[in-house]
């Protein structure tokens, strides 16, 4: 892609997210979301492949529907209350807005577009879609969490955690697995949002770090299928060993960083006497853990046969992601011991 076009795209992505985060007015927040949506579309369709075209069309239609619902909900709210402030929401506008923002995030039962879109785009664009594009809607939910319907968010959260776990069980494409992983993680955040917004945003921050690390590994290994992960040991043994631990961190196993948000969320749900919700969420974590272990098995315990016609593995060179991955990997694996310090902030 042309460097000037790439600069405009990334500038627009940053501008849209910054505009949404810094606004206290629904119209400005809506404008920021629209700038974000329009900025990523050229990156998605850049490969000029029929799958990329299909994915871009699905993404645009879904995001346009969600944006229309947001504008509709905020207009109703302004008609009723006489102002466009984010924190003042009527029940009808609040429920409509929750549905629109969960559609933008890809939460169940409005998740059907996310795996298909992820499958049709490149790993780099998938990284932006799974991380940066979720910041603005999550911040809007965080800012309006006091006026949101807790029962509705619980329903979306539990369904997302279960669908994210079940949907990834039978997948062989890494991009689809990462899409269902994103749905499951978002379910955990939405479930705790009205009870403890701070804890939900902590979970979101750790999700961004863990997901970015895993996407960078997939980009370095050029792994779009689970079978291609078996070549990783002969390419980069150290990265392969760390990748398997990172996958366990995403699954939420101690003593890795990924255990922290699940532990804190379950603890908070039990404190609020919602033991049934906490039990369902804990069982949904087992579903997600299964496909993380499946990927760990492929990447660490399987080595594909190399024939004489296969490419020479020592010719693979590290690229510019290495220094970034080092920092993210340390954070992804070793933050659990400082959990008390994080909670005291």
Protein backbone atom coordinates (compact mmCIF):
# COMPACT_ATOMS: atom_id res chain seq x y z
CA UNK A 1 0.00 0.00 0.00
CA UNK A 2 1.12 3.56 -0.72
CA UNK A 3 2.92 5.04 2.34
CA UNK A 4 0.81 8.23 2.18
CA UNK A 5 -2.42 6.21 2.08
CA UNK A 6 -1.15 4.08 4.98
CA UNK A 7 -0.35 7.21 6.98
CA UNK A 8 -3.85 8.62 6.37
CA UNK A 9 -5.43 5.30 7.40
CA UNK A 10 -3.49 5.01 10.67
CA UNK A 11 -4.00 8.70 11.41
CA UNK A 12 -7.75 8.26 10.89
CA UNK A 13 -7.79 5.20 13.16
CA UNK A 14 -6.05 7.16 15.90
CA UNK A 15 -8.24 10.22 15.33
CA UNK A 16 -11.50 8.25 15.47
CA UNK A 17 -10.58 6.43 18.68
CA UNK A 18 -9.25 9.59 20.35
CA UNK A 19 -12.38 11.53 19.38
CA UNK A 20 -14.64 8.87 20.88
CA UNK A 21 -12.62 8.47 24.08
CA UNK A 22 -12.34 12.21 24.77
CA UNK A 23 -15.95 13.14 23.98
CA UNK A 24 -18.77 13.62 26.48
CA UNK A 25 -21.31 14.13 23.69
CA UNK A 26 -22.99 11.28 21.81
CA UNK A 27 -22.71 12.99 18.41
CA UNK A 28 -18.92 13.35 18.72
CA UNK A 29 -18.63 9.76 19.95
CA UNK A 30 -20.69 8.55 16.99
CA UNK A 31 -18.49 10.53 14.58
CA UNK A 32 -15.38 8.93 16.08
CA UNK A 33 -16.83 5.44 15.65
CA UNK A 34 -17.68 6.17 12.01
CA UNK A 35 -14.18 7.49 11.28
CA UNK A 36 -12.79 4.28 12.82
CA UNK A 37 -15.02 2.09 10.67
CA UNK A 38 -14.25 3.86 7.40
CA UNK A 39 -10.51 3.96 8.11
CA UNK A 40 -10.01 0.21 8.39
CA UNK A 41 -12.03 -0.73 5.28
CA UNK A 42 -9.20 0.05 2.78
CA UNK A 43 -6.85 -2.18 4.80
CA UNK A 44 -9.34 -5.05 4.77
CA UNK A 45 -9.93 -4.94 1.00
CA UNK A 46 -6.28 -4.23 0.10
CA UNK A 47 -5.52 -7.83 -0.97
CA UNK A 48 -8.20 -7.67 -3.74
CA UNK A 49 -9.22 -11.27 -3.01
CA UNK A 50 -12.87 -12.37 -3.21
CA UNK A 51 -12.76 -13.42 0.46
CA UNK A 52 -11.40 -10.01 1.44
CA UNK A 53 -14.16 -8.31 -0.54
CA UNK A 54 -16.79 -10.49 1.13
CA UNK A 55 -15.32 -9.83 4.59
CA UNK A 56 -15.20 -6.08 3.96
CA UNK A 57 -18.81 -6.02 2.80
CA UNK A 58 -19.98 -7.98 5.86
CA UNK A 59 -17.99 -5.71 8.17
CA UNK A 60 -19.32 -2.53 6.59
CA UNK A 61 -22.97 -3.65 6.68
CA UNK A 62 -22.72 -4.78 10.31
CA UNK A 63 -20.96 -1.62 11.47
CA UNK A 64 -23.39 0.57 9.53
CA UNK A 65 -26.33 -1.18 11.22
CA UNK A 66 -24.74 -0.70 14.65
CA UNK A 67 -24.00 2.97 13.90
CA UNK A 68 -27.62 3.51 12.85
CA UNK A 69 -28.84 1.97 16.11
CA UNK A 70 -26.46 4.19 18.10
CA UNK A 71 -27.73 7.30 16.32
CA UNK A 72 -31.33 6.16 16.82
CA UNK A 73 -30.81 5.49 20.55
CA UNK A 74 -29.02 8.77 21.18
CA UNK A 75 -31.69 10.71 19.27
CA UNK A 76 -34.43 9.12 21.41
CA UNK A 77 -32.39 9.94 24.52
CA UNK A 78 -31.91 13.56 23.43
CA UNK A 79 -35.62 13.88 22.62
CA UNK A 80 -36.54 12.61 26.11
CA UNK A 81 -33.89 14.27 28.29
CA UNK A 82 -33.13 17.35 26.17
CA UNK A 83 -29.35 16.74 26.11
CA UNK A 84 -26.70 14.68 24.32
CA UNK A 85 -24.58 13.82 27.37
CA UNK A 86 -23.21 10.27 27.52
CA UNK A 87 -23.92 9.72 31.22
CA UNK A 88 -27.63 10.63 31.05
CA UNK A 89 -29.52 7.72 29.48
CA UNK A 90 -33.16 6.64 29.58
CA UNK A 91 -33.90 2.87 29.89
CA UNK A 92 -35.08 2.45 26.27
CA UNK A 93 -32.12 4.35 24.85
CA UNK A 94 -29.76 2.49 27.18
CA UNK A 95 -30.96 -0.96 26.05
CA UNK A 96 -30.84 -0.01 22.36
CA UNK A 97 -27.36 1.44 22.79
CA UNK A 98 -26.15 -1.70 24.58
CA UNK A 99 -27.32 -3.86 21.67
CA UNK A 100 -25.60 -1.53 19.15
CA UNK A 101 -22.27 -1.46 21.01
CA UNK A 102 -22.26 -5.23 21.55
CA UNK A 103 -22.86 -5.62 17.81
CA UNK A 104 -19.80 -3.46 17.16
CA UNK A 105 -17.75 -5.56 19.59
CA UNK A 106 -18.97 -8.86 18.11
CA UNK A 107 -20.63 -10.20 21.26
CA UNK A 108 -23.09 -13.10 21.12
CA UNK A 109 -25.79 -13.38 19.87
CA UNK A 110 -24.64 -10.64 17.44
CA UNK A 111 -21.28 -12.31 16.81
CA UNK A 112 -21.88 -14.06 13.47
CA UNK A 113 -19.97 -11.49 11.42
CA UNK A 114 -16.71 -11.59 13.40
CA UNK A 115 -15.32 -15.10 12.58
CA UNK A 116 -16.19 -14.71 8.89
CA UNK A 117 -14.62 -11.27 8.65
CA UNK A 118 -11.48 -12.41 10.48
CA UNK A 119 -11.10 -15.36 8.12
CA UNK A 120 -11.17 -13.12 5.06
CA UNK A 121 -8.54 -10.56 6.09
CA UNK A 122 -4.79 -10.66 6.74
CA UNK A 123 -3.27 -11.31 10.16
CA UNK A 124 -2.10 -7.70 10.43
CA UNK A 125 -5.58 -6.32 9.75
CA UNK A 126 -7.00 -8.96 12.09
CA UNK A 127 -4.70 -7.63 14.82
CA UNK A 128 -6.12 -4.12 14.40
CA UNK A 129 -9.70 -5.43 14.26
CA UNK A 130 -9.28 -7.52 17.42
CA UNK A 131 -7.53 -4.85 19.50
CA UNK A 132 -7.65 -1.21 18.37
CA UNK A 133 -11.17 -1.32 16.91
CA UNK A 134 -12.58 -2.53 20.23
CA UNK A 135 -11.16 0.34 22.32
CA UNK A 136 -13.76 2.99 21.40
CA UNK A 137 -16.91 0.83 21.95
CA UNK A 138 -15.52 -0.53 25.23
CA UNK A 139 -14.78 2.98 26.52
CA UNK A 140 -18.33 4.07 25.62
CA UNK A 141 -19.75 1.12 27.57
CA UNK A 142 -17.44 2.01 30.46
CA UNK A 143 -18.53 5.66 30.48
CA UNK A 144 -22.23 4.77 30.42
CA UNK A 145 -21.98 1.73 32.73
CA UNK A 146 -24.02 3.39 35.51
CA UNK A 147 -27.12 3.58 33.31
CA UNK A 148 -26.85 0.19 31.57
CA UNK A 149 -29.13 -2.78 32.22
CA UNK A 150 -27.20 -5.31 34.35
CA UNK A 151 -29.46 -8.24 33.37
CA UNK A 152 -29.00 -7.53 29.66
CA UNK A 153 -25.21 -7.32 30.05
CA UNK A 154 -25.18 -10.55 32.08
CA UNK A 155 -27.12 -12.26 29.29
CA UNK A 156 -24.76 -11.02 26.57
CA UNK A 157 -21.70 -11.84 28.70
CA UNK A 158 -22.72 -15.43 29.52
CA UNK A 159 -23.77 -16.14 25.93
CA UNK A 160 -20.51 -14.71 24.58
CA UNK A 161 -18.36 -16.76 26.98
CA UNK A 162 -20.22 -19.96 26.04
CA UNK A 163 -20.37 -19.26 22.29
CA UNK A 164 -16.70 -18.22 22.25
CA UNK A 165 -15.75 -21.50 23.91
CA UNK A 166 -18.00 -23.77 21.85
CA UNK A 167 -17.37 -22.02 18.55
CA UNK A 168 -13.60 -22.45 18.70
CA UNK A 169 -13.65 -26.18 19.50
CA UNK A 170 -13.92 -27.49 15.94
CA UNK A 171 -11.88 -24.84 14.08
CA UNK A 172 -8.65 -25.44 12.17
CA UNK A 173 -8.04 -21.85 11.03
CA UNK A 174 -6.07 -19.74 13.52
CA UNK A 175 -7.88 -16.52 12.58
CA UNK A 176 -11.27 -18.04 13.36
CA UNK A 177 -9.94 -19.42 16.64
CA UNK A 178 -8.67 -15.95 17.56
CA UNK A 179 -12.07 -14.50 16.65
CA UNK A 180 -13.88 -16.90 19.00
CA UNK A 181 -11.22 -16.22 21.63
CA UNK A 182 -12.04 -12.52 21.32
CA UNK A 183 -15.77 -13.23 21.73
CA UNK A 184 -15.12 -15.25 24.90
CA UNK A 185 -12.85 -12.63 26.46
CA UNK A 186 -15.32 -9.84 25.68
CA UNK A 187 -18.01 -11.88 27.42
CA UNK A 188 -15.99 -11.84 30.65
CA UNK A 189 -15.55 -8.06 30.46
CA UNK A 190 -19.21 -7.30 29.74
CA UNK A 191 -20.39 -9.56 32.57
CA UNK A 192 -18.47 -7.58 35.21
CA UNK A 193 -18.91 -4.12 33.64
CA UNK A 194 -21.84 -2.85 35.74
CA UNK A 195 -20.52 -4.42 38.97
CA UNK A 196 -16.90 -3.26 38.73
CA UNK A 197 -16.07 -1.11 35.68
CA UNK A 198 -12.45 -0.73 36.85
CA UNK A 199 -12.01 -4.52 36.87
CA UNK A 200 -13.58 -4.78 33.39
CA UNK A 201 -11.12 -2.23 31.98
CA UNK A 202 -8.20 -4.01 33.68
CA UNK A 203 -9.35 -7.21 31.96
CA UNK A 204 -9.60 -5.31 28.68
CA UNK A 205 -6.06 -3.96 29.01
CA UNK A 206 -4.67 -7.44 29.67
CA UNK A 207 -6.72 -8.79 26.75
CA UNK A 208 -5.13 -6.22 24.44
CA UNK A 209 -1.62 -7.22 25.58
CA UNK A 210 -2.22 -10.98 25.33
CA UNK A 211 -4.00 -10.83 21.97
CA UNK A 212 -1.40 -8.50 20.45
CA UNK A 213 1.38 -10.88 21.55
CA UNK A 214 -0.36 -13.89 20.00
CA UNK A 215 -1.09 -12.08 16.73
CA UNK A 216 2.54 -10.94 16.44
CA UNK A 217 3.65 -14.57 16.89
CA UNK A 218 1.24 -15.69 14.17
CA UNK A 219 2.53 -12.93 11.88
CA UNK A 220 6.17 -13.93 12.48
CA UNK A 221 5.41 -17.62 11.88
CA UNK A 222 2.96 -16.81 9.05
CA UNK A 223 0.58 -19.34 10.60
CA UNK A 224 -2.97 -19.26 9.29
CA UNK A 225 -3.78 -22.91 10.08
CA UNK A 226 -3.18 -25.08 13.13
CA UNK A 227 -1.19 -27.54 10.99
CA UNK A 228 1.29 -24.80 10.03
CA UNK A 229 2.10 -24.28 13.71
CA UNK A 230 3.94 -27.60 13.74
CA UNK A 231 6.72 -26.03 11.62
CA UNK A 232 7.48 -23.45 14.29
CA UNK A 233 9.90 -25.53 16.37
CA UNK A 234 12.38 -25.86 13.51
CA UNK A 235 12.02 -22.15 12.70
CA UNK A 236 12.31 -20.54 16.15
CA UNK A 237 12.61 -22.88 19.17
CA UNK A 238 12.67 -20.12 21.81
CA UNK A 239 9.64 -18.38 20.39
CA UNK A 240 7.81 -21.71 20.18
CA UNK A 241 8.42 -22.46 23.87
CA UNK A 242 7.21 -19.01 24.89
CA UNK A 243 4.21 -19.24 22.55
CA UNK A 244 2.93 -22.37 24.28
CA UNK A 245 3.09 -20.58 27.66
CA UNK A 246 1.33 -17.55 26.15
CA UNK A 247 -1.53 -19.77 24.94
CA UNK A 248 -1.91 -21.15 28.46
CA UNK A 249 -1.97 -17.56 29.73
CA UNK A 250 -4.82 -16.78 27.32
CA UNK A 251 -6.61 -19.82 28.69
CA UNK A 252 -6.32 -18.40 32.20
CA UNK A 253 -3.99 -20.92 33.85
CA UNK A 254 -1.88 -19.88 36.86
CA UNK A 255 0.84 -18.69 37.39
CA UNK A 256 0.54 -16.66 34.17
CA UNK A 257 -0.94 -13.17 33.78
CA UNK A 258 -4.12 -14.48 32.12
CA UNK A 259 -5.23 -16.08 35.40
CA UNK A 260 -5.50 -12.65 37.09
CA UNK A 261 -8.64 -11.23 35.38
CA UNK A 262 -10.60 -14.51 35.56
CA UNK A 263 -9.73 -14.95 39.23
CA UNK A 264 -10.69 -11.38 40.13
CA UNK A 265 -13.93 -11.47 38.10
CA UNK A 266 -15.08 -14.76 39.64
CA UNK A 267 -14.21 -13.43 43.08
CA UNK A 268 -16.24 -10.26 42.48
CA UNK A 269 -19.23 -12.18 41.10
CA UNK A 270 -19.29 -14.40 44.20
CA UNK A 271 -19.10 -11.31 46.44
CA UNK A 272 -22.20 -9.97 44.65
CA UNK A 273 -24.02 -13.27 45.39
CA UNK A 274 -24.28 -14.20 41.71
CA UNK A 275 -22.85 -17.68 42.23
CA UNK A 276 -24.77 -19.18 39.30
CA UNK A 277 -23.26 -16.67 36.87
CA UNK A 278 -19.78 -17.28 38.33
CA UNK A 279 -20.20 -21.07 37.91
CA UNK A 280 -21.29 -20.75 34.27
CA UNK A 281 -18.37 -18.42 33.52
CA UNK A 282 -15.91 -20.82 35.16
CA UNK A 283 -17.21 -23.73 33.05
CA UNK A 284 -17.03 -21.58 29.90
CA UNK A 285 -13.33 -20.98 30.64
CA UNK A 286 -12.80 -24.74 30.34
CA UNK A 287 -14.29 -24.70 26.84
CA UNK A 288 -11.89 -21.96 25.77
CA UNK A 289 -8.99 -23.74 27.43
CA UNK A 290 -9.58 -26.79 25.22
CA UNK A 291 -8.75 -25.06 21.94
CA UNK A 292 -5.84 -23.17 23.53
CA UNK A 293 -4.43 -26.54 24.61
CA UNK A 294 -5.05 -27.84 21.09
CA UNK A 295 -2.95 -25.02 19.67
CA UNK A 296 -0.31 -25.59 22.38
CA UNK A 297 -0.12 -29.25 21.40
CA UNK A 298 0.37 -28.35 17.73
CA UNK A 299 2.98 -25.71 18.40
CA UNK A 300 5.04 -27.45 21.12
CA UNK A 301 4.50 -31.21 20.90
CA UNK A 302 4.17 -31.75 17.15
CA UNK A 303 6.85 -31.47 14.49
CA UNK A 304 5.97 -31.90 10.84
CA UNK A 305 8.21 -34.03 8.61
CA UNK A 306 10.58 -31.94 6.50
CA UNK A 307 11.34 -33.27 3.02
CA UNK A 308 14.22 -32.29 0.75
CA UNK A 309 11.91 -29.94 -1.15
CA UNK A 310 10.91 -27.99 1.94
CA UNK A 311 12.36 -24.55 2.57
CA UNK A 312 15.52 -24.30 4.68
CA UNK A 313 14.48 -23.17 8.10
CA UNK A 314 17.71 -21.40 9.09
CA UNK A 315 17.11 -18.85 6.32
CA UNK A 316 14.16 -17.35 8.18
CA UNK A 317 15.07 -13.96 9.59
CA UNK A 318 13.57 -12.12 12.51
CA UNK A 319 11.62 -9.02 11.54
CA UNK A 320 10.79 -5.71 13.18
CA UNK A 321 8.29 -7.25 15.62
CA UNK A 322 10.97 -8.81 17.84
CA UNK A 323 11.59 -5.99 20.33
CA UNK A 324 7.85 -5.26 20.68
CA UNK A 325 7.10 -8.94 21.23
CA UNK A 326 9.76 -9.20 23.95
CA UNK A 327 8.11 -6.53 26.11
CA UNK A 328 4.58 -7.81 25.49
CA UNK A 329 5.59 -11.40 26.24
CA UNK A 330 7.10 -10.44 29.60
CA UNK A 331 3.90 -8.59 30.56
CA UNK A 332 1.74 -11.46 29.30
CA UNK A 333 3.48 -14.08 31.43
CA UNK A 334 4.76 -12.51 34.64
CA UNK A 335 2.23 -9.95 35.96
CA UNK A 336 0.36 -12.29 38.31
CA UNK A 337 2.69 -11.80 41.36
CA UNK A 338 2.06 -8.03 41.36
CA UNK A 339 -1.75 -8.38 41.38
CA UNK A 340 -2.07 -6.79 44.89
CA UNK A 341 -0.14 -3.73 43.68
CA UNK A 342 -2.36 -3.40 40.60
CA UNK A 343 -5.53 -3.58 42.73
CA UNK A 344 -4.23 -0.90 45.11
CA UNK A 345 -3.98 1.75 42.35
